[in-house]
Amino acid sequence: AVAGLDLSSRRADVVARNVANADRAGYARRSIDMGGPGVGVPGS
């Protein structure tokens, strides 16, 4: 759950950056990718 909160916070930050820079030249949309066994699992 704590890892999920952290992930949601980071996703919200990425969305905010996307919206703030939508009209900036050269800016490409950001997205978060998960890797490893799963959220909150060691190695993720």
Full PDB file with SEQRES, HELIX, SHEET, SSBOND, CRYST1, ORIGX, SCALE, CONECT and MASTER records, all heavy atoms in Angstrom:
SEQRES   1 A   44  ALA VAL ALA GLY LEU ASP LEU SER SER ARG ARG ALA ASP          
SEQRES   2 A   44  VAL VAL ALA ARG ASN VAL ALA ASN ALA ASP ARG ALA GLY          
SEQRES   3 A   44  TYR ALA ARG ARG SER ILE ASP MET GLY GLY PRO GLY VAL          
SEQRES   4 A   44  GLY VAL PRO GLY SER                                          
HELIX    1 AA1 VAL A    2  ALA A   20  1                                  19    
CRYST1    1.000    1.000    1.000  90.00  90.00  90.00 P 1           1          
ORIGX1      1.000000  0.000000  0.000000        0.00000                         
ORIGX2      0.000000  1.000000  0.000000        0.00000                         
ORIGX3      0.000000  0.000000  1.000000        0.00000                         
SCALE1      1.000000  0.000000  0.000000        0.00000                         
SCALE2      0.000000  1.000000  0.000000        0.00000                         
SCALE3      0.000000  0.000000  1.000000        0.00000                         
ATOM      1  N   ALA A   1       0.831  -1.203   0.000  1.00  0.00           N  
ATOM      2  CA  ALA A   1       0.000   0.000   0.000  1.00  0.00           C  
ATOM      3  C   ALA A   1       0.872   1.263   0.000  1.00  0.00           C  
ATOM      4  O   ALA A   1       0.594   2.238  -0.716  1.00  0.00           O  
ATOM      5  CB  ALA A   1      -0.933  -0.005   1.200  1.00  0.00           C  
ATOM      6  N   VAL A   2       1.919   1.250   0.814  1.00  0.00           N  
ATOM      7  CA  VAL A   2       2.820   2.415   0.857  1.00  0.00           C  
ATOM      8  C   VAL A   2       3.508   2.602  -0.494  1.00  0.00           C  
ATOM      9  O   VAL A   2       3.657   3.730  -0.993  1.00  0.00           O  
ATOM     10  CB  VAL A   2       3.861   2.245   1.982  1.00  0.00           C  
ATOM     11  CG1 VAL A   2       4.930   3.333   1.880  1.00  0.00           C  
ATOM     12  CG2 VAL A   2       3.186   2.309   3.340  1.00  0.00           C  
ATOM     13  N   ALA A   3       3.942   1.478  -1.094  1.00  0.00           N  
ATOM     14  CA  ALA A   3       4.551   1.569  -2.425  1.00  0.00           C  
ATOM     15  C   ALA A   3       3.544   2.095  -3.444  1.00  0.00           C  
ATOM     16  O   ALA A   3       3.887   2.864  -4.360  1.00  0.00           O  
ATOM     17  CB  ALA A   3       5.078   0.202  -2.858  1.00  0.00           C  
ATOM     18  N   GLY A   4       2.272   1.678  -3.295  1.00  0.00           N  
ATOM     19  CA  GLY A   4       1.226   2.176  -4.179  1.00  0.00           C  
ATOM     20  C   GLY A   4       1.005   3.665  -4.022  1.00  0.00           C  
ATOM     21  O   GLY A   4       0.775   4.388  -5.008  1.00  0.00           O  
ATOM     22  N   LEU A   5       1.072   4.155  -2.754  1.00  0.00           N  
ATOM     23  CA  LEU A   5       0.948   5.584  -2.525  1.00  0.00           C  
ATOM     24  C   LEU A   5       2.097   6.349  -3.208  1.00  0.00           C  
ATOM     25  O   LEU A   5       1.889   7.399  -3.835  1.00  0.00           O  
ATOM     26  CB  LEU A   5       0.951   5.881  -1.027  1.00  0.00           C  
ATOM     27  CG  LEU A   5      -0.299   5.461  -0.250  1.00  0.00           C  
ATOM     28  CD1 LEU A   5      -0.083   5.665   1.242  1.00  0.00           C  
ATOM     29  CD2 LEU A   5      -1.509   6.258  -0.723  1.00  0.00           C  
ATOM     30  N   ASP A   6       3.298   5.798  -3.052  1.00  0.00           N  
ATOM     31  CA  ASP A   6       4.464   6.446  -3.682  1.00  0.00           C  
ATOM     32  C   ASP A   6       4.336   6.457  -5.198  1.00  0.00           C  
ATOM     33  O   ASP A   6       4.620   7.477  -5.864  1.00  0.00           O  
ATOM     34  CB  ASP A   6       5.735   5.716  -3.266  1.00  0.00           C  
ATOM     35  CG  ASP A   6       6.971   6.330  -3.899  1.00  0.00           C  
ATOM     36  OD1 ASP A   6       7.305   7.481  -3.563  1.00  0.00           O  
ATOM     37  OD2 ASP A   6       7.598   5.648  -4.741  1.00  0.00           O  
ATOM     38  N   LEU A   7       3.873   5.327  -5.764  1.00  0.00           N  
ATOM     39  CA  LEU A   7       3.702   5.243  -7.217  1.00  0.00           C  
ATOM     40  C   LEU A   7       2.637   6.220  -7.691  1.00  0.00           C  
ATOM     41  O   LEU A   7       2.812   6.912  -8.717  1.00  0.00           O  
ATOM     42  CB  LEU A   7       3.331   3.814  -7.613  1.00  0.00           C  
ATOM     43  CG  LEU A   7       3.089   3.560  -9.105  1.00  0.00           C  
ATOM     44  CD1 LEU A   7       4.345   3.876  -9.908  1.00  0.00           C  
ATOM     45  CD2 LEU A   7       2.653   2.110  -9.345  1.00  0.00           C  
ATOM     46  N   SER A   8       1.528   6.318  -6.955  1.00  0.00           N  
ATOM     47  CA  SER A   8       0.469   7.256  -7.333  1.00  0.00           C  
ATOM     48  C   SER A   8       0.964   8.693  -7.269  1.00  0.00           C  
ATOM     49  O   SER A   8       0.625   9.523  -8.129  1.00  0.00           O  
ATOM     50  CB  SER A   8      -0.746   7.085  -6.406  1.00  0.00           C  
ATOM     51  OG  SER A   8      -1.322   5.808  -6.568  1.00  0.00           O  
ATOM     52  N   SER A   9       1.791   8.982  -6.258  1.00  0.00           N  
ATOM     53  CA  SER A   9       2.334  10.328  -6.142  1.00  0.00           C  
ATOM     54  C   SER A   9       3.235  10.659  -7.332  1.00  0.00           C  
ATOM     55  O   SER A   9       3.169  11.764  -7.889  1.00  0.00           O  
ATOM     56  CB  SER A   9       3.130  10.432  -4.836  1.00  0.00           C  
ATOM     57  OG  SER A   9       3.742  11.696  -4.730  1.00  0.00           O  
ATOM     58  N   ARG A  10       4.056   9.704  -7.723  1.00  0.00           N  
ATOM     59  CA  ARG A  10       4.948   9.934  -8.860  1.00  0.00           C  
ATOM     60  C   ARG A  10       4.153  10.061 -10.162  1.00  0.00           C  
ATOM     61  O   ARG A  10       4.490  10.880 -11.030  1.00  0.00           O  
ATOM     62  CB  ARG A  10       5.974   8.813  -8.967  1.00  0.00           C  
ATOM     63  CG  ARG A  10       6.898   8.733  -7.770  1.00  0.00           C  
ATOM     64  CD  ARG A  10       7.977   7.689  -7.932  1.00  0.00           C  
ATOM     65  NE  ARG A  10       8.922   8.034  -8.986  1.00  0.00           N  
ATOM     66  CZ  ARG A  10      10.004   7.317  -9.256  1.00  0.00           C  
ATOM     67  NH1 ARG A  10      10.278   6.224  -8.550  1.00  0.00           N  
ATOM     68  NH2 ARG A  10      10.816   7.681 -10.232  1.00  0.00           N  
ATOM     69  N   ARG A  11       3.102   9.263 -10.292  1.00  0.00           N  
ATOM     70  CA  ARG A  11       2.262   9.369 -11.482  1.00  0.00           C  
ATOM     71  C   ARG A  11       1.575  10.728 -11.548  1.00  0.00           C  
ATOM     72  O   ARG A  11       1.457  11.340 -12.623  1.00  0.00           O  
ATOM     73  CB  ARG A  11       1.224   8.244 -11.489  1.00  0.00           C  
ATOM     74  CG  ARG A  11       1.795   6.903 -11.930  1.00  0.00           C  
ATOM     75  CD  ARG A  11       0.762   5.813 -11.861  1.00  0.00           C  
ATOM     76  NE  ARG A  11       1.243   4.586 -12.483  1.00  0.00           N  
ATOM     77  CZ  ARG A  11       0.667   3.389 -12.329  1.00  0.00           C  
ATOM     78  NH1 ARG A  11      -0.423   3.282 -11.573  1.00  0.00           N  
ATOM     79  NH2 ARG A  11       1.179   2.336 -12.929  1.00  0.00           N  
ATOM     80  N   ALA A  12       1.106  11.211 -10.394  1.00  0.00           N  
ATOM     81  CA  ALA A  12       0.460  12.517 -10.368  1.00  0.00           C  
ATOM     82  C   ALA A  12       1.460  13.613 -10.753  1.00  0.00           C  
ATOM     83  O   ALA A  12       1.118  14.570 -11.472  1.00  0.00           O  
ATOM     84  CB  ALA A  12      -0.112  12.796  -8.978  1.00  0.00           C  
ATOM     85  N   ASP A  13       2.711  13.464 -10.309  1.00  0.00           N  
ATOM     86  CA  ASP A  13       3.736  14.445 -10.665  1.00  0.00           C  
ATOM     87  C   ASP A  13       4.005  14.429 -12.171  1.00  0.00           C  
ATOM     88  O   ASP A  13       4.176  15.489 -12.791  1.00  0.00           O  
ATOM     89  CB  ASP A  13       5.018  14.127  -9.899  1.00  0.00           C  
ATOM     90  CG  ASP A  13       6.136  15.097 -10.236  1.00  0.00           C  
ATOM     91  OD1 ASP A  13       5.994  16.289  -9.942  1.00  0.00           O  
ATOM     92  OD2 ASP A  13       7.149  14.651 -10.817  1.00  0.00           O  
ATOM     93  N   VAL A  14       4.034  13.235 -12.778  1.00  0.00           N  
ATOM     94  CA  VAL A  14       4.259  13.126 -14.216  1.00  0.00           C  
ATOM     95  C   VAL A  14       3.117  13.762 -14.999  1.00  0.00           C  
ATOM     96  O   VAL A  14       3.332  14.484 -15.982  1.00  0.00           O  
ATOM     97  CB  VAL A  14       4.452  11.652 -14.627  1.00  0.00           C  
ATOM     98  CG1 VAL A  14       4.377  11.491 -16.145  1.00  0.00           C  
ATOM     99  CG2 VAL A  14       5.782  11.128 -14.113  1.00  0.00           C  
ATOM    100  N   VAL A  15       1.880  13.526 -14.552  1.00  0.00           N  
ATOM    101  CA  VAL A  15       0.720  14.122 -15.216  1.00  0.00           C  
ATOM    102  C   VAL A  15       0.799  15.647 -15.127  1.00  0.00           C  
ATOM    103  O   VAL A  15       0.524  16.363 -16.104  1.00  0.00           O  
ATOM    104  CB  VAL A  15      -0.591  13.594 -14.606  1.00  0.00           C  
ATOM    105  CG1 VAL A  15      -1.779  14.417 -15.091  1.00  0.00           C  
ATOM    106  CG2 VAL A  15      -0.788  12.131 -14.956  1.00  0.00           C  
ATOM    107  N   ALA A  16       1.156  16.150 -13.948  1.00  0.00           N  
ATOM    108  CA  ALA A  16       1.259  17.597 -13.770  1.00  0.00           C  
ATOM    109  C   ALA A  16       2.318  18.177 -14.716  1.00  0.00           C  
ATOM    110  O   ALA A  16       2.122  19.247 -15.314  1.00  0.00           O  
ATOM    111  CB  ALA A  16       1.604  17.922 -12.319  1.00  0.00           C  
ATOM    112  N   ARG A  17       3.439  17.489 -14.868  1.00  0.00           N  
ATOM    113  CA  ARG A  17       4.488  17.954 -15.785  1.00  0.00           C  
ATOM    114  C   ARG A  17       3.989  17.932 -17.224  1.00  0.00           C  
ATOM    115  O   ARG A  17       4.290  18.848 -18.012  1.00  0.00           O  
ATOM    116  CB  ARG A  17       5.732  17.079 -15.642  1.00  0.00           C  
ATOM    117  CG  ARG A  17       6.473  17.293 -14.333  1.00  0.00           C  
ATOM    118  CD  ARG A  17       7.554  16.252 -14.128  1.00  0.00           C  
ATOM    119  NE  ARG A  17       8.583  16.312 -15.166  1.00  0.00           N  
ATOM    120  CZ  ARG A  17       9.553  15.400 -15.264  1.00  0.00           C  
ATOM    121  NH1 ARG A  17       9.614  14.384 -14.413  1.00  0.00           N  
ATOM    122  NH2 ARG A  17      10.465  15.523 -16.215  1.00  0.00           N  
ATOM    123  N   ASN A  18       3.246  16.897 -17.575  1.00  0.00           N  
ATOM    124  CA  ASN A  18       2.710  16.819 -18.940  1.00  0.00           C  
ATOM    125  C   ASN A  18       1.790  17.985 -19.243  1.00  0.00           C  
ATOM    126  O   ASN A  18       1.882  18.614 -20.310  1.00  0.00           O  
ATOM    127  CB  ASN A  18       1.960  15.495 -19.133  1.00  0.00           C  
ATOM    128  CG  ASN A  18       2.878  14.298 -19.247  1.00  0.00           C  
ATOM    129  OD1 ASN A  18       4.073  14.443 -19.530  1.00  0.00           O  
ATOM    130  ND2 ASN A  18       2.337  13.118 -19.036  1.00  0.00           N  
ATOM    131  N   VAL A  19       0.905  18.288 -18.309  1.00  0.00           N  
ATOM    132  CA  VAL A  19      -0.059  19.367 -18.524  1.00  0.00           C  
ATOM    133  C   VAL A  19       0.660  20.719 -18.569  1.00  0.00           C  
ATOM    134  O   VAL A  19       0.373  21.570 -19.429  1.00  0.00           O  
ATOM    135  CB  VAL A  19      -1.132  19.365 -17.425  1.00  0.00           C  
ATOM    136  CG1 VAL A  19      -2.034  20.588 -17.541  1.00  0.00           C  
ATOM    137  CG2 VAL A  19      -1.961  18.082 -17.510  1.00  0.00           C  
ATOM    138  N   ALA A  20       1.612  20.916 -17.671  1.00  0.00           N  
ATOM    139  CA  ALA A  20       2.311  22.202 -17.598  1.00  0.00           C  
ATOM    140  C   ALA A  20       3.155  22.466 -18.843  1.00  0.00           C  
ATOM    141  O   ALA A  20       3.363  23.628 -19.222  1.00  0.00           O  
ATOM    142  CB  ALA A  20       3.185  22.243 -16.353  1.00  0.00           C  
ATOM    143  N   ASN A  21       3.647  21.415 -19.477  1.00  0.00           N  
ATOM    144  CA  ASN A  21       4.548  21.574 -20.628  1.00  0.00           C  
ATOM    145  C   ASN A  21       3.904  21.183 -21.953  1.00  0.00           C  
ATOM    146  O   ASN A  21       4.610  20.961 -22.938  1.00  0.00           O  
ATOM    147  CB  ASN A  21       5.806  20.727 -20.425  1.00  0.00           C  
ATOM    148  CG  ASN A  21       6.655  21.197 -19.269  1.00  0.00           C  
ATOM    149  OD1 ASN A  21       7.406  22.151 -19.391  1.00  0.00           O  
ATOM    150  ND2 ASN A  21       6.526  20.524 -18.122  1.00  0.00           N  
ATOM    151  N   ALA A  22       2.576  21.121 -21.978  1.00  0.00           N  
ATOM    152  CA  ALA A  22       1.881  20.643 -23.178  1.00  0.00           C  
ATOM    153  C   ALA A  22       2.213  21.464 -24.417  1.00  0.00           C  
ATOM    154  O   ALA A  22       2.275  20.930 -25.527  1.00  0.00           O  
ATOM    155  CB  ALA A  22       0.366  20.650 -22.939  1.00  0.00           C  
ATOM    156  N   ASP A  23       2.466  22.761 -24.245  1.00  0.00           N  
ATOM    157  CA  ASP A  23       2.726  23.631 -25.388  1.00  0.00           C  
ATOM    158  C   ASP A  23       4.200  23.957 -25.574  1.00  0.00           C  
ATOM    159  O   ASP A  23       4.550  24.769 -26.432  1.00  0.00           O  
ATOM    160  CB  ASP A  23       1.941  24.942 -25.239  1.00  0.00           C  
ATOM    161  CG  ASP A  23       0.438  24.723 -25.275  1.00  0.00           C  
ATOM    162  OD1 ASP A  23       0.005  23.803 -25.987  1.00  0.00           O  
ATOM    163  OD2 ASP A  23      -0.292  25.467 -24.588  1.00  0.00           O  
ATOM    164  N   ARG A  24       5.066  23.363 -24.775  1.00  0.00           N  
ATOM    165  CA  ARG A  24       6.497  23.670 -24.884  1.00  0.00           C  
ATOM    166  C   ARG A  24       7.119  22.916 -26.047  1.00  0.00           C  
ATOM    167  O   ARG A  24       6.919  21.703 -26.204  1.00  0.00           O  
ATOM    168  CB  ARG A  24       7.228  23.314 -23.586  1.00  0.00           C  
ATOM    169  CG  ARG A  24       8.720  23.637 -23.614  1.00  0.00           C  
ATOM    170  CD  ARG A  24       9.296  23.649 -22.204  1.00  0.00           C  
ATOM    171  NE  ARG A  24       9.280  22.341 -21.597  1.00  0.00           N  
ATOM    172  CZ  ARG A  24      10.245  21.426 -21.754  1.00  0.00           C  
ATOM    173  NH1 ARG A  24      11.274  21.691 -22.544  1.00  0.00           N  
ATOM    174  NH2 ARG A  24      10.177  20.272 -21.140  1.00  0.00           N  
ATOM    175  N   ALA A  25       7.871  23.622 -26.879  1.00  0.00           N  
ATOM    176  CA  ALA A  25       8.507  23.008 -28.047  1.00  0.00           C  
ATOM    177  C   ALA A  25       9.483  21.927 -27.603  1.00  0.00           C  
ATOM    178  O   ALA A  25      10.272  22.121 -26.677  1.00  0.00           O  
ATOM    179  CB  ALA A  25       9.241  24.072 -28.862  1.00  0.00           C  
ATOM    180  N   GLY A  26       9.415  20.788 -28.273  1.00  0.00           N  
ATOM    181  CA  GLY A  26      10.333  19.696 -28.003  1.00  0.00           C  
ATOM    182  C   GLY A  26       9.900  18.776 -26.880  1.00  0.00           C  
ATOM    183  O   GLY A  26      10.539  17.741 -26.651  1.00  0.00           O  
ATOM    184  N   TYR A  27       8.826  19.152 -26.161  1.00  0.00           N  
ATOM    185  CA  TYR A  27       8.390  18.311 -25.041  1.00  0.00           C  
ATOM    186  C   TYR A  27       7.581  17.131 -25.549  1.00  0.00           C  
ATOM    187  O   TYR A  27       6.686  17.276 -26.376  1.00  0.00           O  
ATOM    188  CB  TYR A  27       7.547  19.120 -24.056  1.00  0.00           C  
ATOM    189  CG  TYR A  27       7.155  18.352 -22.813  1.00  0.00           C  
ATOM    190  CD1 TYR A  27       8.022  18.284 -21.736  1.00  0.00           C  
ATOM    191  CD2 TYR A  27       5.932  17.698 -22.733  1.00  0.00           C  
ATOM    192  CE1 TYR A  27       7.674  17.579 -20.588  1.00  0.00           C  
ATOM    193  CE2 TYR A  27       5.576  16.990 -21.588  1.00  0.00           C  
ATOM    194  CZ  TYR A  27       6.451  16.934 -20.519  1.00  0.00           C  
ATOM    195  OH  TYR A  27       6.105  16.229 -19.393  1.00  0.00           O  
ATOM    196  N   ALA A  28       7.910  15.945 -25.049  1.00  0.00           N  
ATOM    197  CA  ALA A  28       7.154  14.731 -25.370  1.00  0.00           C  
ATOM    198  C   ALA A  28       6.520  14.199 -24.096  1.00  0.00           C  
ATOM    199  O   ALA A  28       7.099  14.292 -23.001  1.00  0.00           O  
ATOM    200  CB  ALA A  28       8.073  13.675 -25.981  1.00  0.00           C  
ATOM    201  N   ARG A  29       5.340  13.653 -24.227  1.00  0.00           N  
ATOM    202  CA  ARG A  29       4.589  13.174 -23.064  1.00  0.00           C  
ATOM    203  C   ARG A  29       5.392  12.135 -22.278  1.00  0.00           C  
ATOM    204  O   ARG A  29       6.038  11.265 -22.840  1.00  0.00           O  
ATOM    205  CB  ARG A  29       3.260  12.566 -23.530  1.00  0.00           C  
ATOM    206  CG  ARG A  29       2.359  12.097 -22.389  1.00  0.00           C  
ATOM    207  CD  ARG A  29       0.986  11.755 -22.931  1.00  0.00           C  
ATOM    208  NE  ARG A  29       1.058  10.732 -23.956  1.00  0.00           N  
ATOM    209  CZ  ARG A  29       1.024   9.418 -23.712  1.00  0.00           C  
ATOM    210  NH1 ARG A  29       0.937   8.982 -22.455  1.00  0.00           N  
ATOM    211  NH2 ARG A  29       1.067   8.549 -24.694  1.00  0.00           N  
ATOM    212  N   ARG A  30       5.344  12.255 -20.936  1.00  0.00           N  
ATOM    213  CA  ARG A  30       6.017  11.314 -20.058  1.00  0.00           C  
ATOM    214  C   ARG A  30       5.019  10.273 -19.573  1.00  0.00           C  
ATOM    215  O   ARG A  30       3.821  10.537 -19.427  1.00  0.00           O  
ATOM    216  CB  ARG A  30       6.618  12.016 -18.839  1.00  0.00           C  
ATOM    217  CG  ARG A  30       7.441  13.258 -19.145  1.00  0.00           C  
ATOM    218  CD  ARG A  30       8.750  12.926 -19.825  1.00  0.00           C  
ATOM    219  NE  ARG A  30       9.699  14.026 -19.702  1.00  0.00           N  
ATOM    220  CZ  ARG A  30       9.974  14.899 -20.642  1.00  0.00           C  
ATOM    221  NH1 ARG A  30       9.361  14.799 -21.820  1.00  0.00           N  
ATOM    222  NH2 ARG A  30      10.841  15.860 -20.436  1.00  0.00           N  
ATOM    223  N   SER A  31       5.518   9.094 -19.318  1.00  0.00           N  
ATOM    224  CA  SER A  31       4.699   8.049 -18.700  1.00  0.00           C  
ATOM    225  C   SER A  31       5.583   7.204 -17.794  1.00  0.00           C  
ATOM    226  O   SER A  31       6.800   7.143 -17.990  1.00  0.00           O  
ATOM    227  CB  SER A  31       4.023   7.169 -19.761  1.00  0.00           C  
ATOM    228  OG  SER A  31       4.994   6.549 -20.585  1.00  0.00           O  
ATOM    229  N   ILE A  32       4.966   6.587 -16.790  1.00  0.00           N  
ATOM    230  CA  ILE A  32       5.709   5.768 -15.822  1.00  0.00           C  
ATOM    231  C   ILE A  32       5.574   4.305 -16.201  1.00  0.00           C  
ATOM    232  O   ILE A  32       4.477   3.818 -16.493  1.00  0.00           O  
ATOM    233  CB  ILE A  32       5.191   6.017 -14.392  1.00  0.00           C  
ATOM    234  CG1 ILE A  32       5.709   7.365 -13.895  1.00  0.00           C  
ATOM    235  CG2 ILE A  32       5.611   4.910 -13.457  1.00  0.00           C  
ATOM    236  CD1 ILE A  32       5.413   7.644 -12.447  1.00  0.00           C  
ATOM    237  N   ASP A  33       6.692   3.627 -16.204  1.00  0.00           N  
ATOM    238  CA  ASP A  33       6.725   2.185 -16.507  1.00  0.00           C  
ATOM    239  C   ASP A  33       7.200   1.430 -15.278  1.00  0.00           C  
ATOM    240  O   ASP A  33       8.167   1.825 -14.610  1.00  0.00           O  
ATOM    241  CB  ASP A  33       7.671   1.906 -17.688  1.00  0.00           C  
ATOM    242  CG  ASP A  33       7.245   2.620 -18.955  1.00  0.00           C  
ATOM    243  OD1 ASP A  33       6.019   2.673 -19.214  1.00  0.00           O  
ATOM    244  OD2 ASP A  33       8.117   3.137 -19.670  1.00  0.00           O  
ATOM    245  N   MET A  34       6.497   0.339 -14.995  1.00  0.00           N  
ATOM    246  CA  MET A  34       6.858  -0.517 -13.858  1.00  0.00           C  
ATOM    247  C   MET A  34       7.724  -1.663 -14.344  1.00  0.00           C  
ATOM    248  O   MET A  34       7.533  -2.202 -15.433  1.00  0.00           O  
ATOM    249  CB  MET A  34       5.594  -1.090 -13.200  1.00  0.00           C  
ATOM    250  CG  MET A  34       4.837  -0.085 -12.351  1.00  0.00           C  
ATOM    251  SD  MET A  34       5.749   0.351 -10.859  1.00  0.00           S  
ATOM    252  CE  MET A  34       5.945  -1.274 -10.112  1.00  0.00           C  
ATOM    253  N   GLY A  35       8.692  -2.033 -13.533  1.00  0.00           N  
ATOM    254  CA  GLY A  35       9.525  -3.180 -13.843  1.00  0.00           C  
ATOM    255  C   GLY A  35       9.710  -4.044 -12.619  1.00  0.00           C  
ATOM    256  O   GLY A  35       9.539  -3.599 -11.479  1.00  0.00           O  
ATOM    257  N   GLY A  36      10.019  -5.308 -12.810  1.00  0.00           N  
ATOM    258  CA  GLY A  36      10.230  -6.204 -11.694  1.00  0.00           C  
ATOM    259  C   GLY A  36       8.983  -7.026 -11.357  1.00  0.00           C  
ATOM    260  O   GLY A  36       7.986  -7.006 -12.095  1.00  0.00           O  
ATOM    261  N   PRO A  37       9.003  -7.724 -10.197  1.00  0.00           N  
ATOM    262  CA  PRO A  37       7.897  -8.637  -9.839  1.00  0.00           C  
ATOM    263  C   PRO A  37       6.564  -7.959  -9.623  1.00  0.00           C  
ATOM    264  O   PRO A  37       5.520  -8.499  -9.952  1.00  0.00           O  
ATOM    265  CB  PRO A  37       8.400  -9.286  -8.530  1.00  0.00           C  
ATOM    266  CG  PRO A  37       9.885  -9.094  -8.543  1.00  0.00           C  
ATOM    267  CD  PRO A  37      10.116  -7.795  -9.244  1.00  0.00           C  
ATOM    268  N   GLY A  38       6.551  -6.746  -9.037  1.00  0.00           N  
ATOM    269  CA  GLY A  38       5.289  -6.067  -8.789  1.00  0.00           C  
ATOM    270  C   GLY A  38       5.474  -4.949  -7.797  1.00  0.00           C  
ATOM    271  O   GLY A  38       6.538  -4.793  -7.181  1.00  0.00           O  
ATOM    272  N   VAL A  39       4.418  -4.153  -7.607  1.00  0.00           N  
ATOM    273  CA  VAL A  39       4.483  -3.000  -6.703  1.00  0.00           C  
ATOM    274  C   VAL A  39       4.744  -3.466  -5.283  1.00  0.00           C  
ATOM    275  O   VAL A  39       4.044  -4.349  -4.765  1.00  0.00           O  
ATOM    276  CB  VAL A  39       3.171  -2.199  -6.759  1.00  0.00           C  
ATOM    277  CG1 VAL A  39       3.231  -1.035  -5.768  1.00  0.00           C  
ATOM    278  CG2 VAL A  39       2.919  -1.698  -8.163  1.00  0.00           C  
ATOM    279  N   GLY A  40       5.770  -2.871  -4.653  1.00  0.00           N  
ATOM    280  CA  GLY A  40       6.072  -3.177  -3.272  1.00  0.00           C  
ATOM    281  C   GLY A  40       6.871  -4.434  -3.064  1.00  0.00           C  
ATOM    282  O   GLY A  40       7.246  -4.752  -1.928  1.00  0.00           O  
ATOM    283  N   VAL A  41       7.142  -5.182  -4.129  1.00  0.00           N  
ATOM    284  CA  VAL A  41       7.906  -6.428  -4.033  1.00  0.00           C  
ATOM    285  C   VAL A  41       9.382  -6.103  -4.249  1.00  0.00           C  
ATOM    286  O   VAL A  41       9.717  -5.325  -5.155  1.00  0.00           O  
ATOM    287  CB  VAL A  41       7.421  -7.459  -5.068  1.00  0.00           C  
ATOM    288  CG1 VAL A  41       8.241  -8.739  -4.983  1.00  0.00           C  
ATOM    289  CG2 VAL A  41       5.939  -7.735  -4.861  1.00  0.00           C  
ATOM    290  N   PRO A  42      10.275  -6.650  -3.448  1.00  0.00           N  
ATOM    291  CA  PRO A  42      11.704  -6.403  -3.637  1.00  0.00           C  
ATOM    292  C   PRO A  42      12.146  -6.716  -5.072  1.00  0.00           C  
ATOM    293  O   PRO A  42      11.732  -7.718  -5.649  1.00  0.00           O  
ATOM    294  CB  PRO A  42      12.361  -7.348  -2.629  1.00  0.00           C  
ATOM    295  CG  PRO A  42      11.343  -7.508  -1.543  1.00  0.00           C  
ATOM    296  CD  PRO A  42      10.019  -7.502  -2.249  1.00  0.00           C  
ATOM    297  N   GLY A  43      12.975  -5.849  -5.627  1.00  0.00           N  
ATOM    298  CA  GLY A  43      13.434  -6.035  -7.013  1.00  0.00           C  
ATOM    299  C   GLY A  43      12.630  -5.246  -8.017  1.00  0.00           C  
ATOM    300  O   GLY A  43      13.002  -5.168  -9.197  1.00  0.00           O  
ATOM    301  N   SER A  44      11.524  -4.654  -7.565  1.00  0.00           N  
ATOM    302  CA  SER A  44      10.700  -3.854  -8.470  1.00  0.00           C  
ATOM    303  C   SER A  44      11.310  -2.453  -8.628  1.00  0.00           C  
ATOM    304  O   SER A  44      11.988  -1.956  -7.738  1.00  0.00           O  
ATOM    305  CB  SER A  44       9.273  -3.718  -7.927  1.00  0.00           C  
ATOM    306  OG  SER A  44       8.689  -5.001  -7.780  1.00  0.00           O  
TER     307      SER A  44                                                      
MASTER        0    0    0    1    0    0    0    6  306    1    0    4          
END                                                                             
